[in-house]
Each structure stands twice: as structure tokens, then as C-alpha cells.
């Protein structure tokens, strides 16, 4: 069955039965048989064939994304079954790169060394991607920037942070400025999650145009260290740079202080599994990394 979908996807790229057969190392009649079988099973025409050409139908076009998912699911199933031969279970975690590097990496390293019977599958991804994978049962746990409107996930605040304007300590800018004065300085724009973008659109002057736009917090930190101007960065990512005076914080006197949260989202279907419970317990016992325990007591 999966071979039929694999053949279908190759044919959508080659649009040639003979080339598809060569690519898959089978005879052309096998390619034809697989496509015919798939069309019969789905009761639709996937390709329009003539003696000279092969064209994808609208039904065939709509099948492409589903066929890719089925093949990826097969690979993931094989991988997880093979993992169970060596490990008790696998914990799949979705996490933004900056949250892992600056906040959660010590805890994940601790879990790795404390529980050798479990394997780890880390996916560095943004909130929207994580939520999609969680709802498709492709993740056990995610660290997300917003609370989704679904009952399929258990969501708890993990830690709070704020976005602060910083620059290199020797950058020529006062420690306190007004919002309108942002136009006088190079601000490197950090394209992050929806909540941050919405807040930043209210902070920046309406005629603000960034000189540079990045979607990587780690890269942005490096650019600020090199003197590329100022940037709004999450407080958890630059605490060390502020302590050792590599960066200085710039207060914008005419805007309100902001507060955001990173949430721990758990697939409810995996919530009672041993591997998830051990990981959550580890988070609760690390108050310097997460406020999860205190939040849960207050719920």
C-alpha cells in the first residue's frame, strides 16, 4: 500500500512512467499497476494519460500532501517500533531553539542522564508548528507561547518573561528614551510569535521600517554583540549578557511594561505515560528553571 503512494509521489515529479520505473528500480508495468490499484482504491482518476503525456488531475493534486504524510507516518512508526527494542519509551519534545538553549537545556540534559532507559526526540520549532504536531500525536510535550483553544492538550504556565530593548554597552544611545526616539536608532527586528509581533506593532512608531529583519533569537543576540544597533530580546535569553555588562538595557519611558509566558503543552493522550510524568516531575523540582510547580498549586 505504501509503495503505491511512494510511486504516486515520484510520478508527480517525473510525469513519466518510464522514468518513474527507472528511479524506483522496477519495471514500467509495476508502476502502472500501482497507480491503477491506488486509483481503484480511492475511486478517482489521479492522472490523465495520453500516448504523449501524463497530467495530474485535481484529485491527484489534492492527494500529494496526504501521500507525504502517510509516508512520513510509516517512517515514524518504524522508527518508534525499533526504538522500543532498545528503550522503554521515547519522549518527543517540541521547543523553540532559544528556549532550549537559554532556559531548558540543563533540565533536558539532566533527564537524559538520569533516565537512560528513555530516548529523546527534540524538535526545534515555533509554537504554530508544535501545536500542529501535538494535535496530530506527533509530539508528547511542547513549549509554546500561547494557550491554544483545544481541550486535547493540557496547558500550564512554565515561566514568565518580558521583551526588553538592549544594545551593546558601548552603543551610543541614552539609557532612557521615548517611543518616538526609536526612529533615530537602528533597531534590528526580531520576527517572532504572534503575541510578540502584536505587542511590538503597538510599541514601534507607525512609520518604523527595520533596517534588518531576523527570525533567529540566537543570531540576533550575536548581531547586537557585534554592534548592529538595538533589539528587543526575551529576558530569559540575555540575563548573562546583562549581568556581565555585555549588553545594557534601554528603558522606553512612555510604554507599559510587558509580560509574556512560555507554556508547557502536553498531549492528553500521553499525559499518564511514565516518560511524560517523569519529565514533568523534573520540571516541577527545578524552580530556578520553571515556575510550573507553583502555578499548578495555584490552579
Protein backbone atom coordinates (compact mmCIF):
# COMPACT_ATOMS: atom_id res chain seq x y z
CA UNK A 1 0.00 0.00 0.00
CA UNK A 2 2.72 2.50 0.98
CA UNK A 3 4.65 1.59 -2.16
CA UNK A 4 1.67 2.79 -4.17
CA UNK A 5 1.86 6.21 -2.52
CA UNK A 6 5.62 6.37 -2.97
CA UNK A 7 5.21 5.55 -6.65
CA UNK A 8 2.47 8.17 -6.95
CA UNK A 9 4.73 10.89 -5.50
CA UNK A 10 7.63 10.01 -7.78
CA UNK A 11 5.31 10.06 -10.79
CA UNK A 12 4.02 13.53 -9.82
CA UNK A 13 7.62 14.74 -10.17
CA UNK A 14 8.69 12.88 -13.31
CA UNK A 15 5.32 12.87 -15.10
CA UNK A 16 6.71 9.90 -16.96
CA UNK A 17 6.01 6.21 -16.25
CA UNK A 18 9.30 5.01 -17.73
CA UNK A 19 11.40 7.50 -15.73
CA UNK A 20 9.47 6.61 -12.58
CA UNK A 21 10.21 2.92 -13.14
CA UNK A 22 13.91 3.66 -13.60
CA UNK A 23 14.01 5.82 -10.47
CA UNK A 24 12.30 3.16 -8.36
CA UNK A 25 14.24 0.30 -9.94
CA UNK A 26 11.12 -1.57 -11.10
CA UNK A 27 9.61 -2.38 -14.47
CA UNK A 28 7.14 0.06 -16.03
CA UNK A 29 4.25 -2.38 -15.69
CA UNK A 30 4.73 -2.32 -11.89
CA UNK A 31 4.38 1.48 -11.87
CA UNK A 32 1.20 1.24 -13.94
CA UNK A 33 -0.19 -1.49 -11.68
CA UNK A 34 0.47 0.52 -8.51
CA UNK A 35 -1.16 3.67 -9.88
CA UNK A 36 -4.15 1.67 -11.17
CA UNK A 37 -4.53 -0.01 -7.79
CA UNK A 38 -4.40 3.34 -5.99
CA UNK A 39 -6.97 4.89 -8.33
CA UNK A 40 -9.24 1.87 -7.88
CA UNK A 41 -8.94 2.04 -4.11
CA UNK A 42 -9.65 5.79 -3.98
CA UNK A 43 -12.22 5.61 -6.79
CA UNK A 44 -10.74 8.66 -8.55
CA UNK A 45 -8.52 9.39 -11.53
CA UNK A 46 -5.16 10.66 -10.34
CA UNK A 47 -3.58 11.17 -13.76
CA UNK A 48 -4.80 11.87 -17.27
CA UNK A 49 -2.72 9.75 -19.65
CA UNK A 50 -2.22 10.02 -23.37
CA UNK A 51 0.36 8.42 -25.65
CA UNK A 52 2.49 11.56 -25.35
CA UNK A 53 1.91 12.99 -21.89
CA UNK A 54 0.85 12.44 -18.28
CA UNK A 55 -1.04 15.15 -16.41
CA UNK A 56 -2.07 15.34 -12.77
CA UNK A 57 -5.80 15.70 -12.12
CA UNK A 58 -7.23 17.94 -9.41
CA UNK A 59 -7.85 14.83 -7.29
CA UNK A 60 -4.22 13.84 -7.78
CA UNK A 61 -3.07 17.30 -6.78
CA UNK A 62 -5.06 17.15 -3.53
CA UNK A 63 -3.60 13.72 -2.71
CA UNK A 64 0.04 14.89 -2.72
CA UNK A 65 0.11 16.31 0.82
CA UNK A 66 -1.76 13.29 2.24
CA UNK A 67 0.57 10.86 0.49
CA UNK A 68 3.58 12.63 2.00
CA UNK A 69 2.02 12.42 5.47
CA UNK A 70 1.34 8.70 5.08
CA UNK A 71 4.93 8.01 4.07
CA UNK A 72 6.27 10.10 6.96
CA UNK A 73 3.90 8.28 9.33
CA UNK A 74 5.23 4.94 8.13
CA UNK A 75 8.81 6.09 8.73
CA UNK A 76 7.91 7.38 12.19
CA UNK A 77 6.09 4.16 13.07
CA UNK A 78 9.06 2.03 12.03
CA UNK A 79 11.42 4.29 13.98
CA UNK A 80 9.35 4.13 17.16
CA UNK A 81 8.88 0.37 16.95
CA UNK A 82 12.63 -0.07 16.54
CA UNK A 83 13.27 2.28 19.47
CA UNK A 84 11.16 0.05 21.73
CA UNK A 85 13.61 -2.77 21.10
CA UNK A 86 16.31 -0.73 22.84
CA UNK A 87 14.48 1.81 25.03
CA UNK A 88 11.50 1.66 27.34
CA UNK A 89 9.86 4.65 25.63
CA UNK A 90 10.66 7.79 23.65
CA UNK A 91 9.84 11.33 24.77
CA UNK A 92 9.24 13.70 21.86
CA UNK A 93 9.62 17.38 22.78
CA UNK A 94 8.90 20.45 20.69
CA UNK A 95 10.73 23.58 21.76
CA UNK A 96 11.92 26.90 20.30
CA UNK A 97 15.67 26.99 19.87
CA UNK A 98 16.13 29.99 22.16
CA UNK A 99 14.01 28.47 24.95
CA UNK A 100 16.05 25.28 24.80
CA UNK A 101 19.42 26.98 24.71
CA UNK A 102 18.82 29.70 27.29
CA UNK A 103 16.34 28.07 29.68
CA UNK A 104 15.50 24.39 29.34
CA UNK A 105 18.72 22.71 28.16
CA UNK A 106 20.01 21.96 31.72
CA UNK A 107 16.77 20.19 32.55
CA UNK A 108 16.75 18.16 29.33
CA UNK A 109 20.39 17.20 29.87
CA UNK A 110 19.50 16.12 33.41
CA UNK A 111 16.64 13.98 32.13
CA UNK A 112 18.93 12.41 29.53
CA UNK A 113 21.49 11.33 32.13
CA UNK A 114 19.02 10.41 34.88
CA UNK A 115 16.82 8.15 32.76
CA UNK A 116 18.95 6.14 30.29
CA UNK A 117 16.02 3.79 29.69
CA UNK A 118 14.24 6.53 27.71
CA UNK A 119 15.22 8.07 24.38
CA UNK A 120 14.64 11.71 23.44
CA UNK A 121 13.34 13.22 20.22
CA UNK A 122 13.86 17.01 20.21
CA UNK A 123 12.09 19.12 17.58
CA UNK A 124 13.22 22.75 17.41
CA UNK A 125 10.12 24.53 16.18
CA UNK A 126 7.84 27.52 16.66
CA UNK A 127 4.52 27.46 18.52
CA UNK A 128 2.32 27.00 15.44
CA UNK A 129 4.35 24.01 14.29
CA UNK A 130 4.40 22.48 17.76
CA UNK A 131 0.64 22.77 18.23
CA UNK A 132 0.06 21.10 14.88
CA UNK A 133 2.36 18.21 15.82
CA UNK A 134 0.80 17.89 19.28
CA UNK A 135 -2.71 17.66 17.83
CA UNK A 136 -1.53 15.11 15.26
CA UNK A 137 0.02 12.98 18.06
CA UNK A 138 3.48 13.62 16.67
CA UNK A 139 4.70 15.27 19.89
CA UNK A 140 4.30 14.38 23.56
CA UNK A 141 5.25 17.77 25.00
CA UNK A 142 5.67 21.28 23.63
CA UNK A 143 6.89 24.62 24.95
CA UNK A 144 4.56 27.16 23.36
CA UNK A 145 3.97 30.91 23.55
CA UNK A 146 0.17 30.89 23.65
CA UNK A 147 -2.72 28.86 25.03
CA UNK A 148 -4.50 27.02 22.19
CA UNK A 149 -8.29 26.78 22.01
CA UNK A 150 -8.48 22.99 22.25
CA UNK A 151 -9.28 20.50 25.00
CA UNK A 152 -6.95 17.89 23.56
CA UNK A 153 -3.95 19.43 25.29
CA UNK A 154 -3.14 20.11 28.92
CA UNK A 155 -1.54 23.56 29.09
CA UNK A 156 0.18 25.09 32.14
CA UNK A 157 2.35 28.22 32.54
CA UNK A 158 6.00 27.20 32.63
CA UNK A 159 7.81 30.50 33.11
CA UNK A 160 7.24 34.22 32.59
CA UNK A 161 9.48 36.68 30.80
CA UNK A 162 9.49 40.10 29.20
CA UNK A 163 10.80 41.63 25.99
CA UNK A 164 13.39 44.29 26.67
CA UNK A 165 15.25 46.70 24.43
CA UNK A 166 19.01 46.16 24.64
CA UNK A 167 22.19 47.11 22.82
CA UNK A 168 25.91 46.65 23.24
CA UNK A 169 27.17 48.55 26.28
CA UNK A 170 29.23 50.96 24.19
CA UNK A 171 26.42 51.72 21.70
CA UNK A 172 25.63 55.45 21.59
CA UNK A 173 22.11 55.68 22.99
CA UNK A 174 20.71 57.08 26.28
CA UNK A 175 19.61 54.63 28.96
CA UNK A 176 16.13 56.15 28.80
CA UNK A 177 14.32 57.21 25.65
CA UNK A 178 10.80 57.94 24.43
CA UNK A 179 8.94 55.78 21.94
CA UNK A 180 9.25 58.39 19.17
CA UNK A 181 13.04 58.37 19.55
CA UNK A 182 13.24 54.77 18.35
CA UNK A 183 13.21 56.17 14.82
CA UNK A 184 16.62 57.73 15.48
CA UNK A 185 18.33 54.38 16.07
CA UNK A 186 18.98 51.14 14.23
CA UNK A 187 16.51 48.57 15.54
CA UNK A 188 17.05 45.01 14.37
CA UNK A 189 13.59 43.47 14.07
CA UNK A 190 13.06 40.05 15.63
CA UNK A 191 10.20 38.32 13.82
CA UNK A 192 8.81 36.01 16.50
CA UNK A 193 5.38 34.77 17.59
CA UNK A 194 2.03 36.46 17.02
CA UNK A 195 1.74 37.79 20.58
CA UNK A 196 5.16 39.44 20.38
CA UNK A 197 4.54 40.87 16.91
CA UNK A 198 1.21 42.34 18.03
CA UNK A 199 2.81 43.94 21.10
CA UNK A 200 5.75 45.27 19.11
CA UNK A 201 3.47 46.84 16.50
CA UNK A 202 1.98 48.94 19.31
CA UNK A 203 5.40 49.89 20.68
CA UNK A 204 7.17 50.89 17.47
CA UNK A 205 6.19 54.13 15.74
CA UNK A 206 3.77 53.52 12.87
CA UNK A 207 6.30 54.70 10.27
CA UNK A 208 9.07 52.46 11.60
CA UNK A 209 10.92 50.42 8.96
CA UNK A 210 13.57 47.99 10.26
CA UNK A 211 16.99 48.08 8.67
CA UNK A 212 17.40 44.36 9.34
CA UNK A 213 14.83 41.62 9.97
CA UNK A 214 15.76 38.29 11.60
CA UNK A 215 13.75 35.31 12.85
CA UNK A 216 16.53 33.78 14.95
CA UNK A 217 17.00 34.96 18.53
CA UNK A 218 20.49 33.46 18.81
CA UNK A 219 21.58 35.15 15.58
CA UNK A 220 20.07 38.42 16.75
CA UNK A 221 22.00 38.27 20.03
CA UNK A 222 25.19 37.77 18.05
CA UNK A 223 24.40 40.75 15.79
CA UNK A 224 23.76 43.02 18.77
CA UNK A 225 27.09 41.91 20.28
CA UNK A 226 28.76 42.96 17.03
CA UNK A 227 27.27 46.44 17.34
CA UNK A 228 24.42 46.21 14.81
CA UNK A 229 22.25 48.56 16.86
CA UNK A 230 19.43 47.72 19.29
CA UNK A 231 16.96 44.87 19.51
CA UNK A 232 14.02 43.69 21.58
CA UNK A 233 15.06 40.37 23.09
CA UNK A 234 13.42 37.97 25.59
CA UNK A 235 14.73 38.49 29.12
CA UNK A 236 15.46 34.78 29.62
CA UNK A 237 17.85 34.79 26.64
CA UNK A 238 20.14 37.64 27.70
CA UNK A 239 20.36 37.54 31.50
CA UNK A 240 24.06 36.66 31.37
CA UNK A 241 24.86 39.46 28.90
CA UNK A 242 23.13 41.99 31.18
CA UNK A 243 24.89 40.72 34.32
CA UNK A 244 28.36 40.90 32.79
CA UNK A 245 27.55 44.26 31.10
CA UNK A 246 27.98 42.99 27.55
CA UNK A 247 24.54 44.50 26.94
CA UNK A 248 22.76 47.44 28.52
CA UNK A 249 19.02 47.79 28.83
CA UNK A 250 17.25 50.81 27.36
CA UNK A 251 14.09 51.92 29.12
CA UNK A 252 11.30 53.30 26.95
CA UNK A 253 9.67 55.70 29.39
CA UNK A 254 6.28 56.12 27.70
CA UNK A 255 5.24 52.46 27.23
CA UNK A 256 3.88 49.99 29.76
CA UNK A 257 5.94 47.08 30.99
CA UNK A 258 5.15 43.85 29.19
CA UNK A 259 4.84 40.29 30.43
CA UNK A 260 4.66 37.07 28.41
CA UNK A 261 4.67 33.37 29.23
CA UNK A 262 6.02 30.13 27.88
CA UNK A 263 3.51 27.32 28.44
CA UNK A 264 4.05 23.60 28.82
CA UNK A 265 1.60 21.85 26.50
CA UNK A 266 1.07 18.11 26.96
CA UNK A 267 -0.73 15.76 24.62
CA UNK A 268 -3.50 14.40 26.88
CA UNK A 269 -3.19 11.00 25.24
CA UNK A 270 0.39 10.81 26.57
CA UNK A 271 -0.14 12.62 29.89
CA UNK A 272 -0.24 9.45 32.02
CA UNK A 273 2.73 7.77 30.36
CA UNK A 274 5.71 7.14 32.63
CA UNK A 275 8.15 9.08 30.47
CA UNK A 276 5.98 12.22 30.41
CA UNK A 277 5.29 12.08 34.15
CA UNK A 278 8.99 11.76 34.96
CA UNK A 279 9.81 14.74 32.75
CA UNK A 280 7.07 16.91 34.27
CA UNK A 281 8.20 15.95 37.79
CA UNK A 282 11.71 17.02 36.87
CA UNK A 283 10.40 20.42 35.75
CA UNK A 284 8.44 20.85 39.00
CA UNK A 285 11.57 20.13 41.04
CA UNK A 286 13.60 22.80 39.22
CA UNK A 287 12.06 26.13 40.35
CA UNK A 288 15.10 28.06 39.06
CA UNK A 289 14.18 26.89 35.55
CA UNK A 290 10.39 26.81 35.71
CA UNK A 291 7.52 28.10 37.84
CA UNK A 292 5.37 25.14 36.81
CA UNK A 293 5.08 23.73 40.33
CA UNK A 294 3.91 27.00 41.92
CA UNK A 295 1.46 27.67 39.09
CA UNK A 296 -0.07 24.21 39.46
CA UNK A 297 -0.51 24.72 43.20
CA UNK A 298 -2.47 27.87 42.46
CA UNK A 299 -4.74 26.26 39.88
